[in-house]
């Protein structure tokens, strides 16, 4: 019912025949959808930013700790989600070789 009403108002709007009341109704009905989309986009942006920061930090730490890292491993790491990157950041403290990293990645993928 709500979608039908919104659709009807949008059709009228497209034909430039909305009354002020109909315009107000449209705004009131669409505002929550717009706000929800903005909130979701903002949240996704935050997660994306945190993921990029975590990935950059992990790459620097791994390079410092293990020196030459296989680029294929960096590619695999860059595909991890934020939660996995955070775990890796904690666990890499104990790594002593690239094999430790390979084992860690193998375990997380299984």
Foldseek 3Di string as FASTA:
>chain_A
DVVVLLVVLVVCVVVVNDDPVSVVVNCVVCVVVVVVVVVVVVVVVVQVVLLVVLLVVLVVVCCVQANDADVVLSVLSSPDGNVVSVVCVVVCVPDNYNVVSVVSSVVVVD
